[in-house]
């Protein structure tokens, strides 16, 4: 198990998505807001190495954000 400590994985949390023209993206500056297709209480998706592995709920405590895993996605493997 010690060898597992040296394996890198790419981890992402998807809060929502949107579609917009590239010209609009190029006009964005710091502080720009991007509207997403998700509501505050919608589950987020945890993605590891381009594979969805879990759903979670974003929690905010002051300046600290965290993700509570609410459901692990089982795969056929």
PDB file of N, CA and C in Angstrom:
ATOM      1  N   UNK A   1       0.814  -1.201   0.000  1.00  0.00           N
ATOM      2  CA  UNK A   1       0.000   0.000   0.000  1.00  0.00           C
ATOM      3  C   UNK A   1       0.855   1.262   0.000  1.00  0.00           C
ATOM      4  N   UNK A   2       2.103   1.182   0.427  1.00  0.00           N
ATOM      5  CA  UNK A   2       2.948   2.367   0.479  1.00  0.00           C
ATOM      6  C   UNK A   2       3.139   2.972  -0.903  1.00  0.00           C
ATOM      7  N   UNK A   3       3.143   2.159  -1.953  1.00  0.00           N
ATOM      8  CA  UNK A   3       3.318   2.655  -3.306  1.00  0.00           C
ATOM      9  C   UNK A   3       2.161   3.518  -3.790  1.00  0.00           C
ATOM     10  N   UNK A   4       1.005   3.370  -3.191  1.00  0.00           N
ATOM     11  CA  UNK A   4      -0.158   4.169  -3.588  1.00  0.00           C
ATOM     12  C   UNK A   4       0.031   5.653  -3.276  1.00  0.00           C
ATOM     13  N   UNK A   5       0.864   5.961  -2.286  1.00  0.00           N
ATOM     14  CA  UNK A   5       1.077   7.355  -1.908  1.00  0.00           C
ATOM     15  C   UNK A   5       1.731   8.174  -3.014  1.00  0.00           C
ATOM     16  N   UNK A   6       2.370   7.533  -3.981  1.00  0.00           N
ATOM     17  CA  UNK A   6       3.090   8.235  -5.038  1.00  0.00           C
ATOM     18  C   UNK A   6       2.309   8.314  -6.352  1.00  0.00           C
ATOM     19  N   UNK A   7       1.064   7.880  -6.375  1.00  0.00           N
ATOM     20  CA  UNK A   7       0.261   7.904  -7.590  1.00  0.00           C
ATOM     21  C   UNK A   7      -0.518   9.214  -7.660  1.00  0.00           C
ATOM     22  N   UNK A   8      -0.345   9.940  -8.758  1.00  0.00           N
ATOM     23  CA  UNK A   8      -1.085  11.185  -8.966  1.00  0.00           C
ATOM     24  C   UNK A   8      -2.403  10.894  -9.666  1.00  0.00           C
ATOM     25  N   UNK A   9      -3.458  11.575  -9.224  1.00  0.00           N
ATOM     26  CA  UNK A   9      -4.756  11.502  -9.885  1.00  0.00           C
ATOM     27  C   UNK A   9      -5.246  12.920 -10.108  1.00  0.00           C
ATOM     28  N   UNK A  10      -6.033  13.107 -11.169  1.00  0.00           N
ATOM     29  CA  UNK A  10      -6.637  14.414 -11.442  1.00  0.00           C
ATOM     30  C   UNK A  10      -8.033  14.404 -10.844  1.00  0.00           C
ATOM     31  N   UNK A  11      -8.306  15.341  -9.952  1.00  0.00           N
ATOM     32  CA  UNK A  11      -9.583  15.419  -9.252  1.00  0.00           C
ATOM     33  C   UNK A  11     -10.268  16.735  -9.614  1.00  0.00           C
ATOM     34  N   UNK A  12     -11.545  16.657  -9.988  1.00  0.00           N
ATOM     35  CA  UNK A  12     -12.329  17.848 -10.303  1.00  0.00           C
ATOM     36  C   UNK A  12     -13.708  17.707  -9.678  1.00  0.00           C
ATOM     37  N   UNK A  13     -14.308  18.827  -9.343  1.00  0.00           N
ATOM     38  CA  UNK A  13     -15.678  18.848  -8.844  1.00  0.00           C
ATOM     39  C   UNK A  13     -16.483  19.739  -9.789  1.00  0.00           C
ATOM     40  N   UNK A  14     -17.495  19.149 -10.425  1.00  0.00           N
ATOM     41  CA  UNK A  14     -18.321  19.896 -11.366  1.00  0.00           C
ATOM     42  C   UNK A  14     -19.558  20.425 -10.637  1.00  0.00           C
ATOM     43  N   UNK A  15     -19.669  21.741 -10.586  1.00  0.00           N
ATOM     44  CA  UNK A  15     -20.792  22.383  -9.914  1.00  0.00           C
ATOM     45  C   UNK A  15     -22.001  22.523 -10.827  1.00  0.00           C
ATOM     46  N   UNK A  16     -21.758  22.653 -12.119  1.00  0.00           N
ATOM     47  CA  UNK A  16     -22.804  22.844 -13.113  1.00  0.00           C
ATOM     48  C   UNK A  16     -22.139  23.093 -14.447  1.00  0.00           C
ATOM     49  N   UNK A  17     -22.935  23.428 -15.455  1.00  0.00           N
ATOM     50  CA  UNK A  17     -22.357  23.685 -16.770  1.00  0.00           C
ATOM     51  C   UNK A  17     -23.150  24.778 -17.468  1.00  0.00           C
ATOM     52  N   UNK A  18     -22.598  25.259 -18.555  1.00  0.00           N
ATOM     53  CA  UNK A  18     -23.259  26.274 -19.367  1.00  0.00           C
ATOM     54  C   UNK A  18     -22.671  26.231 -20.769  1.00  0.00           C
ATOM     55  N   UNK A  19     -23.298  26.921 -21.672  1.00  0.00           N
ATOM     56  CA  UNK A  19     -22.804  27.034 -23.043  1.00  0.00           C
ATOM     57  C   UNK A  19     -22.820  28.512 -23.404  1.00  0.00           C
ATOM     58  N   UNK A  20     -21.711  28.982 -23.985  1.00  0.00           N
ATOM     59  CA  UNK A  20     -21.649  30.378 -24.392  1.00  0.00           C
ATOM     60  C   UNK A  20     -20.679  30.534 -25.557  1.00  0.00           C
ATOM     61  N   UNK A  21     -20.883  31.550 -26.364  1.00  0.00           N
ATOM     62  CA  UNK A  21     -19.995  31.775 -27.507  1.00  0.00           C
ATOM     63  C   UNK A  21     -18.583  32.152 -27.041  1.00  0.00           C
ATOM     64  N   UNK A  22     -17.585  31.776 -27.825  1.00  0.00           N
ATOM     65  CA  UNK A  22     -16.201  32.068 -27.487  1.00  0.00           C
ATOM     66  C   UNK A  22     -15.964  33.572 -27.377  1.00  0.00           C
ATOM     67  N   UNK A  23     -16.666  34.392 -28.170  1.00  0.00           N
ATOM     68  CA  UNK A  23     -16.481  35.845 -28.093  1.00  0.00           C
ATOM     69  C   UNK A  23     -16.858  36.372 -26.713  1.00  0.00           C
ATOM     70  N   UNK A  24     -17.855  35.746 -26.084  1.00  0.00           N
ATOM     71  CA  UNK A  24     -18.263  36.157 -24.748  1.00  0.00           C
ATOM     72  C   UNK A  24     -17.201  35.759 -23.720  1.00  0.00           C
ATOM     73  N   UNK A  25     -16.624  34.583 -23.883  1.00  0.00           N
ATOM     74  CA  UNK A  25     -15.571  34.131 -22.973  1.00  0.00           C
ATOM     75  C   UNK A  25     -14.354  35.041 -23.076  1.00  0.00           C
ATOM     76  N   UNK A  26     -13.992  35.434 -24.295  1.00  0.00           N
ATOM     77  CA  UNK A  26     -12.830  36.290 -24.500  1.00  0.00           C
ATOM     78  C   UNK A  26     -13.007  37.687 -23.909  1.00  0.00           C
ATOM     79  N   UNK A  27     -14.250  38.137 -23.739  1.00  0.00           N
ATOM     80  CA  UNK A  27     -14.522  39.450 -23.161  1.00  0.00           C
ATOM     81  C   UNK A  27     -14.498  39.438 -21.632  1.00  0.00           C
ATOM     82  N   UNK A  28     -14.443  38.270 -21.029  1.00  0.00           N
ATOM     83  CA  UNK A  28     -14.501  38.177 -19.569  1.00  0.00           C
ATOM     84  C   UNK A  28     -13.248  38.740 -18.920  1.00  0.00           C
ATOM     85  N   UNK A  29     -13.454  39.309 -17.751  1.00  0.00           N
ATOM     86  CA  UNK A  29     -12.335  39.804 -16.961  1.00  0.00           C
ATOM     87  C   UNK A  29     -12.470  39.255 -15.542  1.00  0.00           C
ATOM     88  N   UNK A  30     -11.502  39.564 -14.739  1.00  0.00           N
ATOM     89  CA  UNK A  30     -11.520  39.093 -13.352  1.00  0.00           C
ATOM     90  C   UNK A  30     -12.831  39.517 -12.680  1.00  0.00           C
ATOM     91  N   UNK A  31     -13.438  38.589 -11.977  1.00  0.00           N
ATOM     92  CA  UNK A  31     -14.688  38.863 -11.278  1.00  0.00           C
ATOM     93  C   UNK A  31     -15.938  38.611 -12.104  1.00  0.00           C
ATOM     94  N   UNK A  32     -15.752  38.219 -13.371  1.00  0.00           N
ATOM     95  CA  UNK A  32     -16.915  37.938 -14.218  1.00  0.00           C
ATOM     96  C   UNK A  32     -17.694  36.760 -13.648  1.00  0.00           C
ATOM     97  N   UNK A  33     -19.006  36.830 -13.754  1.00  0.00           N
ATOM     98  CA  UNK A  33     -19.872  35.767 -13.269  1.00  0.00           C
ATOM     99  C   UNK A  33     -20.330  34.916 -14.447  1.00  0.00           C
ATOM    100  N   UNK A  34     -20.256  33.595 -14.298  1.00  0.00           N
ATOM    101  CA  UNK A  34     -20.704  32.665 -15.328  1.00  0.00           C
ATOM    102  C   UNK A  34     -21.920  31.930 -14.775  1.00  0.00           C
ATOM    103  N   UNK A  35     -23.092  32.153 -15.359  1.00  0.00           N
ATOM    104  CA  UNK A  35     -24.288  31.460 -14.865  1.00  0.00           C
ATOM    105  C   UNK A  35     -24.217  29.972 -15.206  1.00  0.00           C
ATOM    106  N   UNK A  36     -24.590  29.141 -14.251  1.00  0.00           N
ATOM    107  CA  UNK A  36     -24.587  27.693 -14.439  1.00  0.00           C
ATOM    108  C   UNK A  36     -26.011  27.168 -14.461  1.00  0.00           C
ATOM    109  N   UNK A  37     -26.176  25.954 -14.965  1.00  0.00           N
ATOM    110  CA  UNK A  37     -27.504  25.349 -15.056  1.00  0.00           C
ATOM    111  C   UNK A  37     -27.894  24.591 -13.786  1.00  0.00           C
ATOM    112  N   UNK A  38     -27.239  24.894 -12.677  1.00  0.00           N
ATOM    113  CA  UNK A  38     -27.506  24.187 -11.427  1.00  0.00           C
ATOM    114  C   UNK A  38     -27.991  25.162 -10.362  1.00  0.00           C
ATOM    115  N   UNK A  39     -28.812  24.641  -9.456  1.00  0.00           N
ATOM    116  CA  UNK A  39     -29.260  25.424  -8.307  1.00  0.00           C
ATOM    117  C   UNK A  39     -28.331  25.144  -7.131  1.00  0.00           C
ATOM    118  N   UNK A  40     -28.443  25.939  -6.093  1.00  0.00           N
ATOM    119  CA  UNK A  40     -27.564  25.831  -4.928  1.00  0.00           C
ATOM    120  C   UNK A  40     -27.608  24.447  -4.286  1.00  0.00           C
ATOM    121  N   UNK A  41     -28.770  23.833  -4.241  1.00  0.00           N
ATOM    122  CA  UNK A  41     -28.913  22.542  -3.559  1.00  0.00           C
ATOM    123  C   UNK A  41     -28.701  21.339  -4.475  1.00  0.00           C
ATOM    124  N   UNK A  42     -28.435  21.561  -5.753  1.00  0.00           N
ATOM    125  CA  UNK A  42     -28.183  20.446  -6.670  1.00  0.00           C
ATOM    126  C   UNK A  42     -26.871  19.754  -6.312  1.00  0.00           C
ATOM    127  N   UNK A  43     -26.798  18.436  -6.466  1.00  0.00           N
ATOM    128  CA  UNK A  43     -25.554  17.734  -6.156  1.00  0.00           C
ATOM    129  C   UNK A  43     -24.454  18.075  -7.159  1.00  0.00           C
ATOM    130  N   UNK A  44     -23.240  18.128  -6.658  1.00  0.00           N
ATOM    131  CA  UNK A  44     -22.068  18.306  -7.509  1.00  0.00           C
ATOM    132  C   UNK A  44     -21.567  16.923  -7.893  1.00  0.00           C
ATOM    133  N   UNK A  45     -20.751  16.856  -8.938  1.00  0.00           N
ATOM    134  CA  UNK A  45     -20.209  15.578  -9.393  1.00  0.00           C
ATOM    135  C   UNK A  45     -18.704  15.580  -9.168  1.00  0.00           C
ATOM    136  N   UNK A  46     -18.204  14.534  -8.510  1.00  0.00           N
ATOM    137  CA  UNK A  46     -16.774  14.372  -8.275  1.00  0.00           C
ATOM    138  C   UNK A  46     -16.217  13.532  -9.417  1.00  0.00           C
ATOM    139  N   UNK A  47     -15.201  14.070 -10.094  1.00  0.00           N
ATOM    140  CA  UNK A  47     -14.613  13.407 -11.260  1.00  0.00           C
ATOM    141  C   UNK A  47     -13.143  13.130 -10.983  1.00  0.00           C
ATOM    142  N   UNK A  48     -12.742  11.884 -11.143  1.00  0.00           N
ATOM    143  CA  UNK A  48     -11.338  11.490 -10.982  1.00  0.00           C
ATOM    144  C   UNK A  48     -10.871  10.873 -12.288  1.00  0.00           C
ATOM    145  N   UNK A  49      -9.806  11.447 -12.848  1.00  0.00           N
ATOM    146  CA  UNK A  49      -9.253  10.963 -14.121  1.00  0.00           C
ATOM    147  C   UNK A  49     -10.343  10.799 -15.177  1.00  0.00           C
ATOM    148  N   UNK A  50     -11.170  11.833 -15.344  1.00  0.00           N
ATOM    149  CA  UNK A  50     -12.246  11.882 -16.352  1.00  0.00           C
ATOM    150  C   UNK A  50     -13.360  10.865 -16.127  1.00  0.00           C
ATOM    151  N   UNK A  51     -13.474  10.328 -14.928  1.00  0.00           N
ATOM    152  CA  UNK A  51     -14.522   9.358 -14.598  1.00  0.00           C
ATOM    153  C   UNK A  51     -15.318   9.875 -13.403  1.00  0.00           C
ATOM    154  N   UNK A  52     -16.641  10.019 -13.555  1.00  0.00           N
ATOM    155  CA  UNK A  52     -17.483  10.421 -12.425  1.00  0.00           C
ATOM    156  C   UNK A  52     -17.492   9.308 -11.396  1.00  0.00           C
ATOM    157  N   UNK A  53     -17.142   9.630 -10.145  1.00  0.00           N
ATOM    158  CA  UNK A  53     -17.066   8.599  -9.105  1.00  0.00           C
ATOM    159  C   UNK A  53     -18.031   8.824  -7.948  1.00  0.00           C
ATOM    160  N   UNK A  54     -18.540  10.065  -7.799  1.00  0.00           N
ATOM    161  CA  UNK A  54     -19.404  10.341  -6.652  1.00  0.00           C
ATOM    162  C   UNK A  54     -20.196  11.615  -6.881  1.00  0.00           C
ATOM    163  N   UNK A  55     -21.249  11.770  -6.072  1.00  0.00           N
ATOM    164  CA  UNK A  55     -22.000  13.023  -5.995  1.00  0.00           C
ATOM    165  C   UNK A  55     -21.733  13.606  -4.618  1.00  0.00           C
ATOM    166  N   UNK A  56     -21.819  14.916  -4.522  1.00  0.00           N
ATOM    167  CA  UNK A  56     -21.569  15.548  -3.236  1.00  0.00           C
ATOM    168  C   UNK A  56     -22.324  16.845  -3.094  1.00  0.00           C
ATOM    169  N   UNK A  57     -22.309  17.371  -1.884  1.00  0.00           N
ATOM    170  CA  UNK A  57     -22.974  18.629  -1.567  1.00  0.00           C
ATOM    171  C   UNK A  57     -21.910  19.621  -1.109  1.00  0.00           C
ATOM    172  N   UNK A  58     -21.894  20.802  -1.720  1.00  0.00           N
ATOM    173  CA  UNK A  58     -20.948  21.848  -1.340  1.00  0.00           C
ATOM    174  C   UNK A  58     -21.366  22.417   0.019  1.00  0.00           C
ATOM    175  N   UNK A  59     -20.396  22.547   0.917  1.00  0.00           N
ATOM    176  CA  UNK A  59     -20.626  23.141   2.230  1.00  0.00           C
ATOM    177  C   UNK A  59     -19.726  24.363   2.359  1.00  0.00           C
ATOM    178  N   UNK A  60     -20.256  25.437   2.924  1.00  0.00           N
ATOM    179  CA  UNK A  60     -19.482  26.660   3.126  1.00  0.00           C
ATOM    180  C   UNK A  60     -19.534  27.014   4.605  1.00  0.00           C
ATOM    181  N   UNK A  61     -18.349  27.198   5.202  1.00  0.00           N
ATOM    182  CA  UNK A  61     -18.239  27.594   6.608  1.00  0.00           C
ATOM    183  C   UNK A  61     -17.281  28.779   6.659  1.00  0.00           C
ATOM    184  N   UNK A  62     -17.826  29.985   6.659  1.00  0.00           N
ATOM    185  CA  UNK A  62     -16.985  31.179   6.614  1.00  0.00           C
ATOM    186  C   UNK A  62     -16.277  31.258   5.271  1.00  0.00           C
ATOM    187  N   UNK A  63     -14.948  31.275   5.294  1.00  0.00           N
ATOM    188  CA  UNK A  63     -14.145  31.335   4.072  1.00  0.00           C
ATOM    189  C   UNK A  63     -13.762  29.957   3.548  1.00  0.00           C
ATOM    190  N   UNK A  64     -14.198  28.902   4.225  1.00  0.00           N
ATOM    191  CA  UNK A  64     -13.787  27.542   3.860  1.00  0.00           C
ATOM    192  C   UNK A  64     -14.915  26.826   3.120  1.00  0.00           C
ATOM    193  N   UNK A  65     -14.586  26.303   1.926  1.00  0.00           N
ATOM    194  CA  UNK A  65     -15.528  25.480   1.169  1.00  0.00           C
ATOM    195  C   UNK A  65     -15.065  24.039   1.244  1.00  0.00           C
ATOM    196  N   UNK A  66     -16.020  23.128   1.348  1.00  0.00           N
ATOM    197  CA  UNK A  66     -15.686  21.706   1.334  1.00  0.00           C
ATOM    198  C   UNK A  66     -16.792  20.962   0.601  1.00  0.00           C
ATOM    199  N   UNK A  67     -16.555  19.700   0.355  1.00  0.00           N
ATOM    200  CA  UNK A  67     -17.525  18.873  -0.353  1.00  0.00           C
ATOM    201  C   UNK A  67     -17.819  17.640   0.487  1.00  0.00           C
ATOM    202  N   UNK A  68     -19.079  17.443   0.818  1.00  0.00           N
ATOM    203  CA  UNK A  68     -19.515  16.247   1.528  1.00  0.00           C
ATOM    204  C   UNK A  68     -19.968  15.227   0.490  1.00  0.00           C
ATOM    205  N   UNK A  69     -19.357  14.049   0.483  1.00  0.00           N
ATOM    206  CA  UNK A  69     -19.747  12.987  -0.445  1.00  0.00           C
ATOM    207  C   UNK A  69     -21.091  12.443   0.020  1.00  0.00           C
ATOM    208  N   UNK A  70     -22.081  12.470  -0.882  1.00  0.00           N
ATOM    209  CA  UNK A  70     -23.419  11.998  -0.534  1.00  0.00           C
ATOM    210  C   UNK A  70     -23.776  10.675  -1.212  1.00  0.00           C
ATOM    211  N   UNK A  71     -23.067  10.346  -2.289  1.00  0.00           N
ATOM    212  CA  UNK A  71     -23.370   9.122  -3.015  1.00  0.00           C
ATOM    213  C   UNK A  71     -22.146   8.706  -3.827  1.00  0.00           C
ATOM    214  N   UNK A  72     -21.732   7.472  -3.695  1.00  0.00           N
ATOM    215  CA  UNK A  72     -20.634   6.935  -4.492  1.00  0.00           C
ATOM    216  C   UNK A  72     -21.244   6.251  -5.692  1.00  0.00           C
ATOM    217  N   UNK A  73     -20.732   6.579  -6.879  1.00  0.00           N
ATOM    218  CA  UNK A  73     -21.242   5.990  -8.121  1.00  0.00           C
ATOM    219  C   UNK A  73     -20.546   4.656  -8.340  1.00  0.00           C
ATOM    220  N   UNK A  74     -21.317   3.612  -8.351  1.00  0.00           N
ATOM    221  CA  UNK A  74     -20.773   2.267  -8.567  1.00  0.00           C
ATOM    222  C   UNK A  74     -20.640   2.005 -10.060  1.00  0.00           C
ATOM    223  N   UNK A  75     -19.497   1.483 -10.455  1.00  0.00           N
ATOM    224  CA  UNK A  75     -19.293   1.133 -11.863  1.00  0.00           C
ATOM    225  C   UNK A  75     -19.330  -0.387 -12.009  1.00  0.00           C
ATOM    226  N   UNK A  76     -19.415  -0.841 -13.217  1.00  0.00           N
ATOM    227  CA  UNK A  76     -19.497  -2.278 -13.472  1.00  0.00           C
ATOM    228  C   UNK A  76     -18.180  -3.015 -13.367  1.00  0.00           C
ATOM    229  N   UNK A  77     -17.153  -2.349 -12.914  1.00  0.00           N
ATOM    230  CA  UNK A  77     -15.834  -2.988 -12.822  1.00  0.00           C
ATOM    231  C   UNK A  77     -15.695  -3.867 -11.622  1.00  0.00           C
TER     232      UNK A  77
END
